[in-house]
Amino acid sequence: MTVIDRNHAKETGRRVNVMLTSARVSQGFRDALFAAASKEHMTPSDFAIAAAAEKIGSVISTERDGE
């Protein structure tokens, strides 16, 4: 079960697609993304979404601590 599937299992909302087709990165960044995703046995898209989810969780946690 991927991180995305585990997070979805906790989520009760409707599943929707995310299209990030306009994102452009350097070849080095792309190579690093693909290598890191492969190491975690994930697709690059799932890896990027999981990284974004971790960042969002961190931001939300920091905001709660500041209240």
PDB file of N, CA and C in Angstrom:
ATOM      1  N   MET A   1       0.858  -1.175   0.000  1.00  0.00           N
ATOM      2  CA  MET A   1       0.000   0.000   0.000  1.00  0.00           C
ATOM      3  C   MET A   1       0.902   1.234   0.000  1.00  0.00           C
ATOM      4  N   THR A   2       0.698   2.125  -0.964  1.00  0.00           N
ATOM      5  CA  THR A   2       1.516   3.330  -1.039  1.00  0.00           C
ATOM      6  C   THR A   2       1.087   4.333   0.019  1.00  0.00           C
ATOM      7  N   VAL A   3       1.936   5.332   0.235  1.00  0.00           N
ATOM      8  CA  VAL A   3       1.607   6.398   1.176  1.00  0.00           C
ATOM      9  C   VAL A   3       0.301   7.066   0.773  1.00  0.00           C
ATOM     10  N   ILE A   4       0.129   7.253  -0.519  1.00  0.00           N
ATOM     11  CA  ILE A   4      -1.089   7.895  -1.013  1.00  0.00           C
ATOM     12  C   ILE A   4      -2.309   7.067  -0.632  1.00  0.00           C
ATOM     13  N   ASP A   5      -2.236   5.747  -0.811  1.00  0.00           N
ATOM     14  CA  ASP A   5      -3.360   4.879  -0.462  1.00  0.00           C
ATOM     15  C   ASP A   5      -3.620   4.896   1.040  1.00  0.00           C
ATOM     16  N   ARG A   6      -2.554   4.898   1.849  1.00  0.00           N
ATOM     17  CA  ARG A   6      -2.732   4.936   3.303  1.00  0.00           C
ATOM     18  C   ARG A   6      -3.402   6.240   3.720  1.00  0.00           C
ATOM     19  N   ASN A   7      -2.959   7.348   3.136  1.00  0.00           N
ATOM     20  CA  ASN A   7      -3.573   8.632   3.461  1.00  0.00           C
ATOM     21  C   ASN A   7      -5.019   8.669   3.005  1.00  0.00           C
ATOM     22  N   HIS A   8      -5.295   8.078   1.847  1.00  0.00           N
ATOM     23  CA  HIS A   8      -6.668   8.058   1.347  1.00  0.00           C
ATOM     24  C   HIS A   8      -7.563   7.237   2.265  1.00  0.00           C
ATOM     25  N   ALA A   9      -7.024   6.174   2.849  1.00  0.00           N
ATOM     26  CA  ALA A   9      -7.820   5.338   3.742  1.00  0.00           C
ATOM     27  C   ALA A   9      -8.306   6.152   4.939  1.00  0.00           C
ATOM     28  N   LYS A  10      -7.539   7.169   5.346  1.00  0.00           N
ATOM     29  CA  LYS A  10      -7.927   8.035   6.453  1.00  0.00           C
ATOM     30  C   LYS A  10      -8.900   9.123   6.006  1.00  0.00           C
ATOM     31  N   GLU A  11      -8.894   9.431   4.729  1.00  0.00           N
ATOM     32  CA  GLU A  11      -9.685  10.521   4.162  1.00  0.00           C
ATOM     33  C   GLU A  11     -11.072  10.026   3.774  1.00  0.00           C
ATOM     34  N   THR A  12     -12.081  10.811   4.103  1.00  0.00           N
ATOM     35  CA  THR A  12     -13.443  10.422   3.749  1.00  0.00           C
ATOM     36  C   THR A  12     -13.957  11.167   2.528  1.00  0.00           C
ATOM     37  N   GLY A  13     -13.184  12.132   2.031  1.00  0.00           N
ATOM     38  CA  GLY A  13     -13.610  12.930   0.881  1.00  0.00           C
ATOM     39  C   GLY A  13     -13.512  12.162  -0.424  1.00  0.00           C
ATOM     40  N   ARG A  14     -14.035  12.774  -1.454  1.00  0.00           N
ATOM     41  CA  ARG A  14     -14.027  12.201  -2.793  1.00  0.00           C
ATOM     42  C   ARG A  14     -12.625  12.282  -3.376  1.00  0.00           C
ATOM     43  N   ARG A  15     -12.199  11.243  -4.091  1.00  0.00           N
ATOM     44  CA  ARG A  15     -10.890  11.229  -4.748  1.00  0.00           C
ATOM     45  C   ARG A  15     -10.956  12.064  -6.018  1.00  0.00           C
ATOM     46  N   VAL A  16      -9.937  12.887  -6.222  1.00  0.00           N
ATOM     47  CA  VAL A  16      -9.852  13.722  -7.417  1.00  0.00           C
ATOM     48  C   VAL A  16      -8.444  13.648  -7.987  1.00  0.00           C
ATOM     49  N   ASN A  17      -8.305  13.939  -9.268  1.00  0.00           N
ATOM     50  CA  ASN A  17      -6.999  13.947  -9.916  1.00  0.00           C
ATOM     51  C   ASN A  17      -6.277  15.260  -9.650  1.00  0.00           C
ATOM     52  N   VAL A  18      -4.962  15.199  -9.647  1.00  0.00           N
ATOM     53  CA  VAL A  18      -4.120  16.384  -9.550  1.00  0.00           C
ATOM     54  C   VAL A  18      -3.241  16.402 -10.791  1.00  0.00           C
ATOM     55  N   MET A  19      -3.336  17.451 -11.558  1.00  0.00           N
ATOM     56  CA  MET A  19      -2.546  17.557 -12.782  1.00  0.00           C
ATOM     57  C   MET A  19      -1.508  18.661 -12.606  1.00  0.00           C
ATOM     58  N   LEU A  20      -0.258  18.300 -12.625  1.00  0.00           N
ATOM     59  CA  LEU A  20       0.829  19.260 -12.452  1.00  0.00           C
ATOM     60  C   LEU A  20       1.699  19.297 -13.706  1.00  0.00           C
ATOM     61  N   THR A  21       1.087  19.401 -14.843  1.00  0.00           N
ATOM     62  CA  THR A  21       1.814  19.278 -16.104  1.00  0.00           C
ATOM     63  C   THR A  21       2.682  20.477 -16.438  1.00  0.00           C
ATOM     64  N   SER A  22       2.454  21.623 -15.830  1.00  0.00           N
ATOM     65  CA  SER A  22       3.239  22.802 -16.177  1.00  0.00           C
ATOM     66  C   SER A  22       4.548  22.897 -15.396  1.00  0.00           C
ATOM     67  N   ALA A  23       4.756  22.010 -14.449  1.00  0.00           N
ATOM     68  CA  ALA A  23       5.987  22.049 -13.656  1.00  0.00           C
ATOM     69  C   ALA A  23       7.188  21.686 -14.526  1.00  0.00           C
ATOM     70  N   ARG A  24       8.231  22.528 -14.452  1.00  0.00           N
ATOM     71  CA  ARG A  24       9.455  22.263 -15.195  1.00  0.00           C
ATOM     72  C   ARG A  24      10.607  22.337 -14.204  1.00  0.00           C
ATOM     73  N   VAL A  25      11.498  21.374 -14.285  1.00  0.00           N
ATOM     74  CA  VAL A  25      12.643  21.298 -13.378  1.00  0.00           C
ATOM     75  C   VAL A  25      13.898  21.025 -14.187  1.00  0.00           C
ATOM     76  N   SER A  26      15.039  21.160 -13.526  1.00  0.00           N
ATOM     77  CA  SER A  26      16.295  20.842 -14.202  1.00  0.00           C
ATOM     78  C   SER A  26      16.408  19.326 -14.369  1.00  0.00           C
ATOM     79  N   GLN A  27      17.238  18.914 -15.303  1.00  0.00           N
ATOM     80  CA  GLN A  27      17.426  17.483 -15.523  1.00  0.00           C
ATOM     81  C   GLN A  27      17.997  16.814 -14.273  1.00  0.00           C
ATOM     82  N   GLY A  28      18.888  17.503 -13.568  1.00  0.00           N
ATOM     83  CA  GLY A  28      19.460  16.948 -12.342  1.00  0.00           C
ATOM     84  C   GLY A  28      18.406  16.700 -11.275  1.00  0.00           C
ATOM     85  N   PHE A  29      17.482  17.654 -11.119  1.00  0.00           N
ATOM     86  CA  PHE A  29      16.402  17.480 -10.151  1.00  0.00           C
ATOM     87  C   PHE A  29      15.518  16.311 -10.553  1.00  0.00           C
ATOM     88  N   ARG A  30      15.191  16.246 -11.840  1.00  0.00           N
ATOM     89  CA  ARG A  30      14.356  15.147 -12.334  1.00  0.00           C
ATOM     90  C   ARG A  30      15.027  13.805 -12.076  1.00  0.00           C
ATOM     91  N   ASP A  31      16.319  13.719 -12.369  1.00  0.00           N
ATOM     92  CA  ASP A  31      17.045  12.469 -12.137  1.00  0.00           C
ATOM     93  C   ASP A  31      17.029  12.089 -10.660  1.00  0.00           C
ATOM     94  N   ALA A  32      17.219  13.085  -9.778  1.00  0.00           N
ATOM     95  CA  ALA A  32      17.201  12.826  -8.334  1.00  0.00           C
ATOM     96  C   ALA A  32      15.814  12.383  -7.875  1.00  0.00           C
ATOM     97  N   LEU A  33      14.773  13.007  -8.412  1.00  0.00           N
ATOM     98  CA  LEU A  33      13.397  12.632  -8.075  1.00  0.00           C
ATOM     99  C   LEU A  33      13.114  11.191  -8.470  1.00  0.00           C
ATOM    100  N   PHE A  34      13.478  10.825  -9.702  1.00  0.00           N
ATOM    101  CA  PHE A  34      13.240   9.464 -10.168  1.00  0.00           C
ATOM    102  C   PHE A  34      14.044   8.453  -9.353  1.00  0.00           C
ATOM    103  N   ALA A  35      15.280   8.786  -9.000  1.00  0.00           N
ATOM    104  CA  ALA A  35      16.115   7.872  -8.210  1.00  0.00           C
ATOM    105  C   ALA A  35      15.537   7.681  -6.809  1.00  0.00           C
ATOM    106  N   ALA A  36      15.124   8.777  -6.174  1.00  0.00           N
ATOM    107  CA  ALA A  36      14.557   8.689  -4.825  1.00  0.00           C
ATOM    108  C   ALA A  36      13.243   7.914  -4.839  1.00  0.00           C
ATOM    109  N   ALA A  37      12.413   8.163  -5.832  1.00  0.00           N
ATOM    110  CA  ALA A  37      11.141   7.443  -5.947  1.00  0.00           C
ATOM    111  C   ALA A  37      11.384   5.957  -6.152  1.00  0.00           C
ATOM    112  N   SER A  38      12.336   5.632  -6.997  1.00  0.00           N
ATOM    113  CA  SER A  38      12.657   4.227  -7.255  1.00  0.00           C
ATOM    114  C   SER A  38      13.140   3.535  -5.987  1.00  0.00           C
ATOM    115  N   LYS A  39      13.963   4.230  -5.218  1.00  0.00           N
ATOM    116  CA  LYS A  39      14.485   3.670  -3.963  1.00  0.00           C
ATOM    117  C   LYS A  39      13.349   3.336  -2.990  1.00  0.00           C
ATOM    118  N   GLU A  40      12.294   4.137  -3.022  1.00  0.00           N
ATOM    119  CA  GLU A  40      11.138   3.923  -2.141  1.00  0.00           C
ATOM    120  C   GLU A  40      10.065   3.049  -2.786  1.00  0.00           C
ATOM    121  N   HIS A  41      10.346   2.526  -3.983  1.00  0.00           N
ATOM    122  CA  HIS A  41       9.397   1.684  -4.725  1.00  0.00           C
ATOM    123  C   HIS A  41       8.082   2.420  -4.982  1.00  0.00           C
ATOM    124  N   MET A  42       8.213   3.678  -5.406  1.00  0.00           N
ATOM    125  CA  MET A  42       7.057   4.519  -5.698  1.00  0.00           C
ATOM    126  C   MET A  42       7.219   5.116  -7.092  1.00  0.00           C
ATOM    127  N   THR A  43       6.121   5.560  -7.657  1.00  0.00           N
ATOM    128  CA  THR A  43       6.220   6.326  -8.896  1.00  0.00           C
ATOM    129  C   THR A  43       6.714   7.725  -8.530  1.00  0.00           C
ATOM    130  N   PRO A  44       7.346   8.422  -9.469  1.00  0.00           N
ATOM    131  CA  PRO A  44       7.764   9.797  -9.178  1.00  0.00           C
ATOM    132  C   PRO A  44       6.588  10.683  -8.765  1.00  0.00           C
ATOM    133  N   SER A  45       5.431  10.493  -9.371  1.00  0.00           N
ATOM    134  CA  SER A  45       4.251  11.287  -8.999  1.00  0.00           C
ATOM    135  C   SER A  45       3.831  11.012  -7.561  1.00  0.00           C
ATOM    136  N   ASP A  46       3.754   9.734  -7.178  1.00  0.00           N
ATOM    137  CA  ASP A  46       3.385   9.390  -5.802  1.00  0.00           C
ATOM    138  C   ASP A  46       4.415   9.921  -4.811  1.00  0.00           C
ATOM    139  N   PHE A  47       5.692   9.843  -5.183  1.00  0.00           N
ATOM    140  CA  PHE A  47       6.755  10.334  -4.314  1.00  0.00           C
ATOM    141  C   PHE A  47       6.614  11.844  -4.098  1.00  0.00           C
ATOM    142  N   ALA A  48       6.362  12.585  -5.175  1.00  0.00           N
ATOM    143  CA  ALA A  48       6.214  14.037  -5.074  1.00  0.00           C
ATOM    144  C   ALA A  48       4.994  14.413  -4.235  1.00  0.00           C
ATOM    145  N   ILE A  49       3.883  13.711  -4.429  1.00  0.00           N
ATOM    146  CA  ILE A  49       2.678  13.988  -3.646  1.00  0.00           C
ATOM    147  C   ILE A  49       2.911  13.654  -2.172  1.00  0.00           C
ATOM    148  N   ALA A  50       3.600  12.546  -1.894  1.00  0.00           N
ATOM    149  CA  ALA A  50       3.903  12.176  -0.506  1.00  0.00           C
ATOM    150  C   ALA A  50       4.786  13.236   0.148  1.00  0.00           C
ATOM    151  N   ALA A  51       5.770  13.742  -0.588  1.00  0.00           N
ATOM    152  CA  ALA A  51       6.643  14.793  -0.055  1.00  0.00           C
ATOM    153  C   ALA A  51       5.836  16.061   0.234  1.00  0.00           C
ATOM    154  N   ALA A  52       4.924  16.400  -0.661  1.00  0.00           N
ATOM    155  CA  ALA A  52       4.069  17.567  -0.446  1.00  0.00           C
ATOM    156  C   ALA A  52       3.171  17.356   0.773  1.00  0.00           C
ATOM    157  N   ALA A  53       2.642  16.152   0.934  1.00  0.00           N
ATOM    158  CA  ALA A  53       1.786  15.844   2.089  1.00  0.00           C
ATOM    159  C   ALA A  53       2.565  15.982   3.392  1.00  0.00           C
ATOM    160  N   GLU A  54       3.815  15.518   3.405  1.00  0.00           N
ATOM    161  CA  GLU A  54       4.649  15.662   4.602  1.00  0.00           C
ATOM    162  C   GLU A  54       4.895  17.133   4.911  1.00  0.00           C
ATOM    163  N   LYS A  55       5.157  17.928   3.891  1.00  0.00           N
ATOM    164  CA  LYS A  55       5.390  19.362   4.077  1.00  0.00           C
ATOM    165  C   LYS A  55       4.133  20.042   4.600  1.00  0.00           C
ATOM    166  N   ILE A  56       2.987  19.713   4.035  1.00  0.00           N
ATOM    167  CA  ILE A  56       1.723  20.292   4.490  1.00  0.00           C
ATOM    168  C   ILE A  56       1.483  19.934   5.954  1.00  0.00           C
ATOM    169  N   GLY A  57       1.723  18.673   6.313  1.00  0.00           N
ATOM    170  CA  GLY A  57       1.567  18.247   7.702  1.00  0.00           C
ATOM    171  C   GLY A  57       2.476  19.019   8.635  1.00  0.00           C
ATOM    172  N   SER A  58       3.703  19.268   8.202  1.00  0.00           N
ATOM    173  CA  SER A  58       4.662  20.021   9.000  1.00  0.00           C
ATOM    174  C   SER A  58       4.209  21.465   9.187  1.00  0.00           C
ATOM    175  N   VAL A  59       3.723  22.074   8.127  1.00  0.00           N
ATOM    176  CA  VAL A  59       3.242  23.455   8.199  1.00  0.00           C
ATOM    177  C   VAL A  59       2.041  23.549   9.129  1.00  0.00           C
ATOM    178  N   ILE A  60       1.114  22.626   9.003  1.00  0.00           N
ATOM    179  CA  ILE A  60      -0.077  22.634   9.858  1.00  0.00           C
ATOM    180  C   ILE A  60       0.317  22.442  11.316  1.00  0.00           C
ATOM    181  N   SER A  61       1.252  21.528  11.573  1.00  0.00           N
ATOM    182  CA  SER A  61       1.715  21.282  12.937  1.00  0.00           C
ATOM    183  C   SER A  61       2.369  22.531  13.524  1.00  0.00           C
ATOM    184  N   THR A  62       3.188  23.205  12.719  1.00  0.00           N
ATOM    185  CA  THR A  62       3.854  24.429  13.168  1.00  0.00           C
ATOM    186  C   THR A  62       2.832  25.515  13.464  1.00  0.00           C
ATOM    187  N   GLU A  63       1.808  25.628  12.624  1.00  0.00           N
ATOM    188  CA  GLU A  63       0.759  26.624  12.847  1.00  0.00           C
ATOM    189  C   GLU A  63       0.009  26.337  14.138  1.00  0.00           C
ATOM    190  N   ARG A  64      -0.257  25.075  14.416  1.00  0.00           N
ATOM    191  CA  ARG A  64      -0.966  24.709  15.651  1.00  0.00           C
ATOM    192  C   ARG A  64      -0.116  25.020  16.876  1.00  0.00           C
ATOM    193  N   ASP A  65       1.196  24.773  16.771  1.00  0.00           N
ATOM    194  CA  ASP A  65       2.090  25.048  17.893  1.00  0.00           C
ATOM    195  C   ASP A  65       2.177  26.540  18.184  1.00  0.00           C
ATOM    196  N   GLY A  66       1.974  27.356  17.165  1.00  0.00           N
ATOM    197  CA  GLY A  66       2.063  28.801  17.320  1.00  0.00           C
ATOM    198  C   GLY A  66       0.809  29.447  17.862  1.00  0.00           C
ATOM    199  N   GLU A  67      -0.253  28.692  17.982  1.00  0.00           N
ATOM    200  CA  GLU A  67      -1.528  29.260  18.460  1.00  0.00           C
ATOM    201  C   GLU A  67      -1.502  29.507  19.936  1.00  0.00           C
TER     202      GLU A  67
END
